[in-house]
Amino acid sequence: MTHWFNIAGPCKADTNYMLSPTSRLPNLEQLIAQESYFVIHAPRQTGKTTAMLALAKELTSSERYTAIMVSAEVGAD
């Protein structure tokens, strides 16, 4: 399948050009293992949602965790 640059919404590795979102956040595994809280804070459209979706997928596929993602954004399901 052809890849393209996505400029709106979460990116998908199978269709969009992108860097690994979780490799840019190297300390998250340690924080999660320590049961620590963390905040992802960055300007809009910098990959926060894409990173959290990728992290949730990795955590769930590890079979150690079941990850869910909750949005407090108005109108989000």
C-alpha atoms as a PDB file:
ATOM      1  CA  MET A   1       0.000   0.000   0.000  1.00  0.00           C
ATOM      2  CA  THR A   2       1.188   3.517  -0.757  1.00  0.00           C
ATOM      3  CA  HIS A   3       2.251   5.695   2.165  1.00  0.00           C
ATOM      4  CA  TRP A   4       1.479   9.397   2.502  1.00  0.00           C
ATOM      5  CA  PHE A   5       1.963  12.222   4.999  1.00  0.00           C
ATOM      6  CA  ASN A   6      -0.947  12.646   7.381  1.00  0.00           C
ATOM      7  CA  ILE A   7      -1.681  16.169   8.579  1.00  0.00           C
ATOM      8  CA  ALA A   8      -4.936  15.511  10.472  1.00  0.00           C
ATOM      9  CA  GLY A   9      -5.688  12.975  13.178  1.00  0.00           C
ATOM     10  CA  PRO A  10      -3.685  10.025  14.504  1.00  0.00           C
ATOM     11  CA  CYS A  11      -1.133   8.459  12.135  1.00  0.00           C
ATOM     12  CA  LYS A  12      -1.141   4.795  11.183  1.00  0.00           C
ATOM     13  CA  ALA A  13       2.189   3.101  10.504  1.00  0.00           C
ATOM     14  CA  ASP A  14       0.800   0.992   7.656  1.00  0.00           C
ATOM     15  CA  THR A  15      -0.428   4.008   5.646  1.00  0.00           C
ATOM     16  CA  ASN A  16       1.434   7.108   6.887  1.00  0.00           C
ATOM     17  CA  TYR A  17       5.071   8.139   6.886  1.00  0.00           C
ATOM     18  CA  MET A  18       6.089   8.381  10.525  1.00  0.00           C
ATOM     19  CA  LEU A  19       8.780   7.729  13.110  1.00  0.00           C
ATOM     20  CA  SER A  20       8.104   5.193  15.833  1.00  0.00           C
ATOM     21  CA  PRO A  21       6.021   7.154  18.342  1.00  0.00           C
ATOM     22  CA  THR A  22       7.102   5.149  21.378  1.00  0.00           C
ATOM     23  CA  SER A  23      10.838   5.384  20.620  1.00  0.00           C
ATOM     24  CA  ARG A  24      10.568   9.137  21.208  1.00  0.00           C
ATOM     25  CA  LEU A  25       9.384   8.426  24.774  1.00  0.00           C
ATOM     26  CA  PRO A  26      12.101   6.079  26.074  1.00  0.00           C
ATOM     27  CA  ASN A  27      11.336   6.316  29.814  1.00  0.00           C
ATOM     28  CA  LEU A  28       7.662   5.349  29.667  1.00  0.00           C
ATOM     29  CA  GLU A  29       8.219   1.623  30.189  1.00  0.00           C
ATOM     30  CA  GLN A  30      10.149   2.344  33.392  1.00  0.00           C
ATOM     31  CA  LEU A  31       7.464   4.747  34.654  1.00  0.00           C
ATOM     32  CA  ILE A  32       4.739   2.208  33.957  1.00  0.00           C
ATOM     33  CA  ALA A  33       6.681  -0.580  35.666  1.00  0.00           C
ATOM     34  CA  GLN A  34       7.104   1.671  38.719  1.00  0.00           C
ATOM     35  CA  GLU A  35       3.344   2.419  38.646  1.00  0.00           C
ATOM     36  CA  SER A  36       4.163   6.126  38.300  1.00  0.00           C
ATOM     37  CA  TYR A  37       1.999   8.826  36.805  1.00  0.00           C
ATOM     38  CA  PHE A  38       3.131  10.707  33.730  1.00  0.00           C
ATOM     39  CA  VAL A  39       1.791  13.487  31.537  1.00  0.00           C
ATOM     40  CA  ILE A  40       2.249  13.902  27.806  1.00  0.00           C
ATOM     41  CA  HIS A  41       2.166  17.647  27.205  1.00  0.00           C
ATOM     42  CA  ALA A  42       2.998  19.162  23.832  1.00  0.00           C
ATOM     43  CA  PRO A  43       1.586  21.590  21.273  1.00  0.00           C
ATOM     44  CA  ARG A  44      -1.246  20.469  19.048  1.00  0.00           C
ATOM     45  CA  GLN A  45      -0.529  18.087  16.169  1.00  0.00           C
ATOM     46  CA  THR A  46       2.829  16.879  17.501  1.00  0.00           C
ATOM     47  CA  GLY A  47       1.846  13.205  17.845  1.00  0.00           C
ATOM     48  CA  LYS A  48       0.455  12.890  21.375  1.00  0.00           C
ATOM     49  CA  THR A  49      -2.589  10.811  20.384  1.00  0.00           C
ATOM     50  CA  THR A  50      -0.571   8.710  17.948  1.00  0.00           C
ATOM     51  CA  ALA A  51       1.998   7.993  20.684  1.00  0.00           C
ATOM     52  CA  MET A  52      -0.661   7.026  23.234  1.00  0.00           C
ATOM     53  CA  LEU A  53      -2.463   4.741  20.782  1.00  0.00           C
ATOM     54  CA  ALA A  54       0.840   3.029  19.924  1.00  0.00           C
ATOM     55  CA  LEU A  55       1.713   2.704  23.621  1.00  0.00           C
ATOM     56  CA  ALA A  56      -1.700   1.196  24.400  1.00  0.00           C
ATOM     57  CA  LYS A  57      -1.244  -1.310  21.567  1.00  0.00           C
ATOM     58  CA  GLU A  58       2.253  -2.281  22.775  1.00  0.00           C
ATOM     59  CA  LEU A  59       1.137  -2.650  26.396  1.00  0.00           C
ATOM     60  CA  THR A  60      -1.868  -4.786  25.487  1.00  0.00           C
ATOM     61  CA  SER A  61       0.130  -6.995  23.115  1.00  0.00           C
ATOM     62  CA  SER A  62       2.711  -7.619  25.873  1.00  0.00           C
ATOM     63  CA  GLU A  63      -0.053  -9.475  27.782  1.00  0.00           C
ATOM     64  CA  ARG A  64       1.155  -7.886  31.053  1.00  0.00           C
ATOM     65  CA  TYR A  65      -1.323  -5.025  30.806  1.00  0.00           C
ATOM     66  CA  THR A  66      -4.696  -4.212  29.355  1.00  0.00           C
ATOM     67  CA  ALA A  67      -4.524  -0.632  28.167  1.00  0.00           C
ATOM     68  CA  ILE A  68      -7.503   1.624  27.623  1.00  0.00           C
ATOM     69  CA  MET A  69      -7.522   5.175  26.408  1.00  0.00           C
ATOM     70  CA  VAL A  70      -9.966   7.756  27.734  1.00  0.00           C
ATOM     71  CA  SER A  71     -10.421  11.193  26.238  1.00  0.00           C
ATOM     72  CA  ALA A  72     -11.752  14.173  28.173  1.00  0.00           C
ATOM     73  CA  GLU A  73     -12.047  16.173  24.966  1.00  0.00           C
ATOM     74  CA  VAL A  74     -15.479  17.638  24.308  1.00  0.00           C
ATOM     75  CA  GLY A  75     -17.395  15.470  21.874  1.00  0.00           C
ATOM     76  CA  ALA A  76     -14.975  12.524  22.039  1.00  0.00           C
ATOM     77  CA  ASP A  77     -16.422   9.031  22.343  1.00  0.00           C
END
